[in-house]
């Protein structure tokens, strides 16, 4: 996973946490849900990047 991807996912996760907290503070369930969704999206992106990294390592090992 590239550094840019990690930073983008971390930014999305932190933004999601902030939205969720703001929604909780203002009793705005829609904002809370949006924040949770943004965090989940960042987690899924991280998982996808990890799968790509692992597949690349397997491919490299197979070529040796």
PDB file of N, CA and C in Angstrom:
ATOM      1  N   UNK A   1       0.855  -1.157   0.000  1.00  0.00           N
ATOM      2  CA  UNK A   1       0.000   0.000   0.000  1.00  0.00           C
ATOM      3  C   UNK A   1       0.905   1.224   0.000  1.00  0.00           C
ATOM      4  N   UNK A   2       0.605   2.153  -0.859  1.00  0.00           N
ATOM      5  CA  UNK A   2       1.405   3.355  -0.941  1.00  0.00           C
ATOM      6  C   UNK A   2       1.131   4.298   0.216  1.00  0.00           C
ATOM      7  N   UNK A   3       2.079   5.150   0.471  1.00  0.00           N
ATOM      8  CA  UNK A   3       1.941   6.116   1.557  1.00  0.00           C
ATOM      9  C   UNK A   3       0.756   7.036   1.315  1.00  0.00           C
ATOM     10  N   UNK A   4       0.550   7.429   0.058  1.00  0.00           N
ATOM     11  CA  UNK A   4      -0.590   8.295  -0.261  1.00  0.00           C
ATOM     12  C   UNK A   4      -1.911   7.626   0.098  1.00  0.00           C
ATOM     13  N   UNK A   5      -2.022   6.335  -0.204  1.00  0.00           N
ATOM     14  CA  UNK A   5      -3.246   5.599   0.118  1.00  0.00           C
ATOM     15  C   UNK A   5      -3.460   5.544   1.625  1.00  0.00           C
ATOM     16  N   UNK A   6      -2.391   5.281   2.364  1.00  0.00           N
ATOM     17  CA  UNK A   6      -2.495   5.215   3.823  1.00  0.00           C
ATOM     18  C   UNK A   6      -2.946   6.551   4.397  1.00  0.00           C
ATOM     19  N   UNK A   7      -2.365   7.629   3.893  1.00  0.00           N
ATOM     20  CA  UNK A   7      -2.725   8.960   4.385  1.00  0.00           C
ATOM     21  C   UNK A   7      -4.169   9.310   4.031  1.00  0.00           C
ATOM     22  N   UNK A   8      -4.594   8.991   2.819  1.00  0.00           N
ATOM     23  CA  UNK A   8      -5.976   9.257   2.420  1.00  0.00           C
ATOM     24  C   UNK A   8      -6.958   8.483   3.293  1.00  0.00           C
ATOM     25  N   UNK A   9      -6.662   7.217   3.542  1.00  0.00           N
ATOM     26  CA  UNK A   9      -7.548   6.395   4.368  1.00  0.00           C
ATOM     27  C   UNK A   9      -7.570   6.889   5.807  1.00  0.00           C
ATOM     28  N   UNK A  10      -6.420   7.293   6.322  1.00  0.00           N
ATOM     29  CA  UNK A  10      -6.369   7.821   7.692  1.00  0.00           C
ATOM     30  C   UNK A  10      -7.160   9.123   7.785  1.00  0.00           C
ATOM     31  N   UNK A  11      -7.034   9.969   6.764  1.00  0.00           N
ATOM     32  CA  UNK A  11      -7.788  11.225   6.758  1.00  0.00           C
ATOM     33  C   UNK A  11      -9.288  10.947   6.728  1.00  0.00           C
ATOM     34  N   UNK A  12      -9.708  10.007   5.874  1.00  0.00           N
ATOM     35  CA  UNK A  12     -11.125   9.654   5.800  1.00  0.00           C
ATOM     36  C   UNK A  12     -11.628   9.098   7.133  1.00  0.00           C
ATOM     37  N   UNK A  13     -10.809   8.270   7.760  1.00  0.00           N
ATOM     38  CA  UNK A  13     -11.203   7.674   9.033  1.00  0.00           C
ATOM     39  C   UNK A  13     -11.367   8.759  10.116  1.00  0.00           C
ATOM     40  N   UNK A  14     -10.418   9.693  10.162  1.00  0.00           N
ATOM     41  CA  UNK A  14     -10.486  10.765  11.166  1.00  0.00           C
ATOM     42  C   UNK A  14     -11.673  11.701  10.897  1.00  0.00           C
ATOM     43  N   UNK A  15     -11.931  11.986   9.635  1.00  0.00           N
ATOM     44  CA  UNK A  15     -13.078  12.816   9.283  1.00  0.00           C
ATOM     45  C   UNK A  15     -14.368  12.111   9.697  1.00  0.00           C
ATOM     46  N   UNK A  16     -14.417  10.823   9.466  1.00  0.00           N
ATOM     47  CA  UNK A  16     -15.587  10.045   9.870  1.00  0.00           C
ATOM     48  C   UNK A  16     -15.792  10.056  11.371  1.00  0.00           C
ATOM     49  N   UNK A  17     -14.705   9.943  12.107  1.00  0.00           N
ATOM     50  CA  UNK A  17     -14.809   9.996  13.576  1.00  0.00           C
ATOM     51  C   UNK A  17     -15.320  11.353  14.033  1.00  0.00           C
ATOM     52  N   UNK A  18     -14.827  12.415  13.390  1.00  0.00           N
ATOM     53  CA  UNK A  18     -15.266  13.761  13.745  1.00  0.00           C
ATOM     54  C   UNK A  18     -16.751  13.943  13.444  1.00  0.00           C
ATOM     55  N   UNK A  19     -17.193  13.452  12.299  1.00  0.00           N
ATOM     56  CA  UNK A  19     -18.614  13.544  11.943  1.00  0.00           C
ATOM     57  C   UNK A  19     -19.466  12.764  12.929  1.00  0.00           C
ATOM     58  N   UNK A  20     -19.006  11.575  13.277  1.00  0.00           N
ATOM     59  CA  UNK A  20     -19.773  10.756  14.225  1.00  0.00           C
ATOM     60  C   UNK A  20     -19.874  11.464  15.578  1.00  0.00           C
ATOM     61  N   UNK A  21     -18.762  12.043  16.022  1.00  0.00           N
ATOM     62  CA  UNK A  21     -18.770  12.753  17.307  1.00  0.00           C
ATOM     63  C   UNK A  21     -19.662  13.993  17.248  1.00  0.00           C
ATOM     64  N   UNK A  22     -19.603  14.723  16.148  1.00  0.00           N
ATOM     65  CA  UNK A  22     -20.450  15.906  15.997  1.00  0.00           C
ATOM     66  C   UNK A  22     -21.919  15.507  15.976  1.00  0.00           C
ATOM     67  N   UNK A  23     -22.214  14.422  15.299  1.00  0.00           N
ATOM     68  CA  UNK A  23     -23.588  13.935  15.269  1.00  0.00           C
ATOM     69  C   UNK A  23     -24.076  13.518  16.641  1.00  0.00           C
ATOM     70  N   UNK A  24     -23.200  12.904  17.418  1.00  0.00           N
ATOM     71  CA  UNK A  24     -23.568  12.507  18.776  1.00  0.00           C
ATOM     72  C   UNK A  24     -23.794  13.729  19.657  1.00  0.00           C
ATOM     73  N   UNK A  25     -22.943  14.740  19.483  1.00  0.00           N
ATOM     74  CA  UNK A  25     -23.053  15.943  20.304  1.00  0.00           C
ATOM     75  C   UNK A  25     -24.310  16.748  19.987  1.00  0.00           C
ATOM     76  N   UNK A  26     -24.737  16.700  18.727  1.00  0.00           N
ATOM     77  CA  UNK A  26     -25.910  17.475  18.315  1.00  0.00           C
ATOM     78  C   UNK A  26     -27.164  16.621  18.175  1.00  0.00           C
ATOM     79  N   UNK A  27     -27.047  15.362  18.528  1.00  0.00           N
ATOM     80  CA  UNK A  27     -28.155  14.415  18.414  1.00  0.00           C
ATOM     81  C   UNK A  27     -28.665  14.317  16.977  1.00  0.00           C
ATOM     82  N   UNK A  28     -27.715  14.330  16.017  1.00  0.00           N
ATOM     83  CA  UNK A  28     -28.018  14.223  14.589  1.00  0.00           C
ATOM     84  C   UNK A  28     -27.643  12.813  14.132  1.00  0.00           C
ATOM     85  N   UNK A  29     -28.634  11.945  14.093  1.00  0.00           N
ATOM     86  CA  UNK A  29     -28.383  10.541  13.753  1.00  0.00           C
ATOM     87  C   UNK A  29     -27.866  10.381  12.327  1.00  0.00           C
ATOM     88  N   UNK A  30     -28.304  11.236  11.410  1.00  0.00           N
ATOM     89  CA  UNK A  30     -27.845  11.149  10.028  1.00  0.00           C
ATOM     90  C   UNK A  30     -26.341  11.445   9.937  1.00  0.00           C
ATOM     91  N   UNK A  31     -25.869  12.451  10.659  1.00  0.00           N
ATOM     92  CA  UNK A  31     -24.444  12.790  10.656  1.00  0.00           C
ATOM     93  C   UNK A  31     -23.626  11.681  11.321  1.00  0.00           C
ATOM     94  N   UNK A  32     -24.159  11.109  12.392  1.00  0.00           N
ATOM     95  CA  UNK A  32     -23.474   9.981  13.043  1.00  0.00           C
ATOM     96  C   UNK A  32     -23.326   8.812  12.074  1.00  0.00           C
ATOM     97  N   UNK A  33     -24.398   8.505  11.367  1.00  0.00           N
ATOM     98  CA  UNK A  33     -24.368   7.388  10.415  1.00  0.00           C
ATOM     99  C   UNK A  33     -23.400   7.679   9.271  1.00  0.00           C
ATOM    100  N   UNK A  34     -23.372   8.924   8.809  1.00  0.00           N
ATOM    101  CA  UNK A  34     -22.447   9.296   7.746  1.00  0.00           C
ATOM    102  C   UNK A  34     -21.004   9.111   8.217  1.00  0.00           C
ATOM    103  N   UNK A  35     -20.734   9.499   9.449  1.00  0.00           N
ATOM    104  CA  UNK A  35     -19.390   9.331  10.002  1.00  0.00           C
ATOM    105  C   UNK A  35     -18.999   7.869  10.132  1.00  0.00           C
ATOM    106  N   UNK A  36     -19.915   7.054  10.611  1.00  0.00           N
ATOM    107  CA  UNK A  36     -19.632   5.612  10.728  1.00  0.00           C
ATOM    108  C   UNK A  36     -19.398   5.005   9.344  1.00  0.00           C
ATOM    109  N   UNK A  37     -20.184   5.445   8.378  1.00  0.00           N
ATOM    110  CA  UNK A  37     -20.014   4.938   7.014  1.00  0.00           C
ATOM    111  C   UNK A  37     -18.668   5.323   6.426  1.00  0.00           C
ATOM    112  N   UNK A  38     -18.237   6.543   6.690  1.00  0.00           N
ATOM    113  CA  UNK A  38     -16.951   6.991   6.175  1.00  0.00           C
ATOM    114  C   UNK A  38     -15.805   6.199   6.808  1.00  0.00           C
ATOM    115  N   UNK A  39     -15.930   5.890   8.087  1.00  0.00           N
ATOM    116  CA  UNK A  39     -14.914   5.074   8.755  1.00  0.00           C
ATOM    117  C   UNK A  39     -14.877   3.668   8.170  1.00  0.00           C
ATOM    118  N   UNK A  40     -16.037   3.105   7.923  1.00  0.00           N
ATOM    119  CA  UNK A  40     -16.114   1.766   7.349  1.00  0.00           C
ATOM    120  C   UNK A  40     -15.517   1.749   5.952  1.00  0.00           C
ATOM    121  N   UNK A  41     -15.797   2.792   5.175  1.00  0.00           N
ATOM    122  CA  UNK A  41     -15.248   2.883   3.823  1.00  0.00           C
ATOM    123  C   UNK A  41     -13.717   2.912   3.872  1.00  0.00           C
ATOM    124  N   UNK A  42     -13.148   3.660   4.810  1.00  0.00           N
ATOM    125  CA  UNK A  42     -11.687   3.712   4.952  1.00  0.00           C
ATOM    126  C   UNK A  42     -11.134   2.340   5.342  1.00  0.00           C
ATOM    127  N   UNK A  43     -11.835   1.636   6.218  1.00  0.00           N
ATOM    128  CA  UNK A  43     -11.397   0.299   6.627  1.00  0.00           C
ATOM    129  C   UNK A  43     -11.412  -0.673   5.453  1.00  0.00           C
ATOM    130  N   UNK A  44     -12.446  -0.588   4.621  1.00  0.00           N
ATOM    131  CA  UNK A  44     -12.555  -1.469   3.458  1.00  0.00           C
ATOM    132  C   UNK A  44     -11.442  -1.160   2.458  1.00  0.00           C
ATOM    133  N   UNK A  45     -11.158   0.119   2.253  1.00  0.00           N
ATOM    134  CA  UNK A  45     -10.062   0.497   1.347  1.00  0.00           C
ATOM    135  C   UNK A  45      -8.730  -0.047   1.865  1.00  0.00           C
ATOM    136  N   UNK A  46      -8.502   0.075   3.180  1.00  0.00           N
ATOM    137  CA  UNK A  46      -7.273  -0.472   3.768  1.00  0.00           C
ATOM    138  C   UNK A  46      -7.177  -1.972   3.527  1.00  0.00           C
ATOM    139  N   UNK A  47      -8.278  -2.670   3.723  1.00  0.00           N
ATOM    140  CA  UNK A  47      -8.279  -4.123   3.528  1.00  0.00           C
ATOM    141  C   UNK A  47      -7.973  -4.467   2.077  1.00  0.00           C
ATOM    142  N   UNK A  48      -8.562  -3.731   1.148  1.00  0.00           N
ATOM    143  CA  UNK A  48      -8.297  -3.975  -0.267  1.00  0.00           C
ATOM    144  C   UNK A  48      -6.843  -3.751  -0.622  1.00  0.00           C
ATOM    145  N   UNK A  49      -6.252  -2.702  -0.074  1.00  0.00           N
ATOM    146  CA  UNK A  49      -4.840  -2.425  -0.330  1.00  0.00           C
ATOM    147  C   UNK A  49      -3.956  -3.527   0.252  1.00  0.00           C
ATOM    148  N   UNK A  50      -4.318  -4.033   1.414  1.00  0.00           N
ATOM    149  CA  UNK A  50      -3.542  -5.119   2.022  1.00  0.00           C
ATOM    150  C   UNK A  50      -3.619  -6.392   1.180  1.00  0.00           C
ATOM    151  N   UNK A  51      -4.785  -6.659   0.612  1.00  0.00           N
ATOM    152  CA  UNK A  51      -4.938  -7.824  -0.262  1.00  0.00           C
ATOM    153  C   UNK A  51      -4.056  -7.669  -1.498  1.00  0.00           C
ATOM    154  N   UNK A  52      -4.045  -6.465  -2.078  1.00  0.00           N
ATOM    155  CA  UNK A  52      -3.195  -6.222  -3.247  1.00  0.00           C
ATOM    156  C   UNK A  52      -1.721  -6.410  -2.899  1.00  0.00           C
ATOM    157  N   UNK A  53      -1.316  -5.900  -1.728  1.00  0.00           N
ATOM    158  CA  UNK A  53       0.075  -6.056  -1.299  1.00  0.00           C
ATOM    159  C   UNK A  53       0.436  -7.529  -1.125  1.00  0.00           C
ATOM    160  N   UNK A  54      -0.459  -8.278  -0.493  1.00  0.00           N
ATOM    161  CA  UNK A  54      -0.200  -9.701  -0.261  1.00  0.00           C
ATOM    162  C   UNK A  54      -0.128 -10.458  -1.585  1.00  0.00           C
ATOM    163  N   UNK A  55      -1.012 -10.131  -2.514  1.00  0.00           N
ATOM    164  CA  UNK A  55      -0.999 -10.799  -3.821  1.00  0.00           C
ATOM    165  C   UNK A  55       0.299 -10.493  -4.553  1.00  0.00           C
ATOM    166  N   UNK A  56       0.777  -9.278  -4.430  1.00  0.00           N
ATOM    167  CA  UNK A  56       2.044  -8.923  -5.055  1.00  0.00           C
ATOM    168  C   UNK A  56       3.207  -9.693  -4.467  1.00  0.00           C
ATOM    169  N   UNK A  57       3.188  -9.878  -3.154  1.00  0.00           N
ATOM    170  CA  UNK A  57       4.255 -10.645  -2.497  1.00  0.00           C
ATOM    171  C   UNK A  57       4.221 -12.105  -2.926  1.00  0.00           C
ATOM    172  N   UNK A  58       3.030 -12.658  -3.064  1.00  0.00           N
ATOM    173  CA  UNK A  58       2.903 -14.051  -3.504  1.00  0.00           C
ATOM    174  C   UNK A  58       3.430 -14.179  -4.935  1.00  0.00           C
ATOM    175  N   UNK A  59       3.072 -13.218  -5.772  1.00  0.00           N
ATOM    176  CA  UNK A  59       3.539 -13.238  -7.149  1.00  0.00           C
ATOM    177  C   UNK A  59       5.058 -13.121  -7.230  1.00  0.00           C
ATOM    178  N   UNK A  60       5.634 -12.266  -6.407  1.00  0.00           N
ATOM    179  CA  UNK A  60       7.094 -12.113  -6.379  1.00  0.00           C
ATOM    180  C   UNK A  60       7.764 -13.404  -5.924  1.00  0.00           C
ATOM    181  N   UNK A  61       7.201 -14.038  -4.909  1.00  0.00           N
ATOM    182  CA  UNK A  61       7.784 -15.278  -4.382  1.00  0.00           C
ATOM    183  C   UNK A  61       7.690 -16.401  -5.410  1.00  0.00           C
ATOM    184  N   UNK A  62       6.621 -16.418  -6.183  1.00  0.00           N
ATOM    185  CA  UNK A  62       6.437 -17.467  -7.184  1.00  0.00           C
ATOM    186  C   UNK A  62       7.428 -17.324  -8.335  1.00  0.00           C
ATOM    187  N   UNK A  63       7.858 -16.109  -8.603  1.00  0.00           N
ATOM    188  CA  UNK A  63       8.797 -15.875  -9.703  1.00  0.00           C
ATOM    189  C   UNK A  63      10.212 -16.262  -9.332  1.00  0.00           C
ATOM    190  N   UNK A  64      10.491 -16.419  -8.079  1.00  0.00           N
ATOM    191  CA  UNK A  64      11.873 -16.737  -7.633  1.00  0.00           C
ATOM    192  C   UNK A  64      12.164 -18.178  -7.742  1.00  0.00           C
TER     193      UNK A  64
END
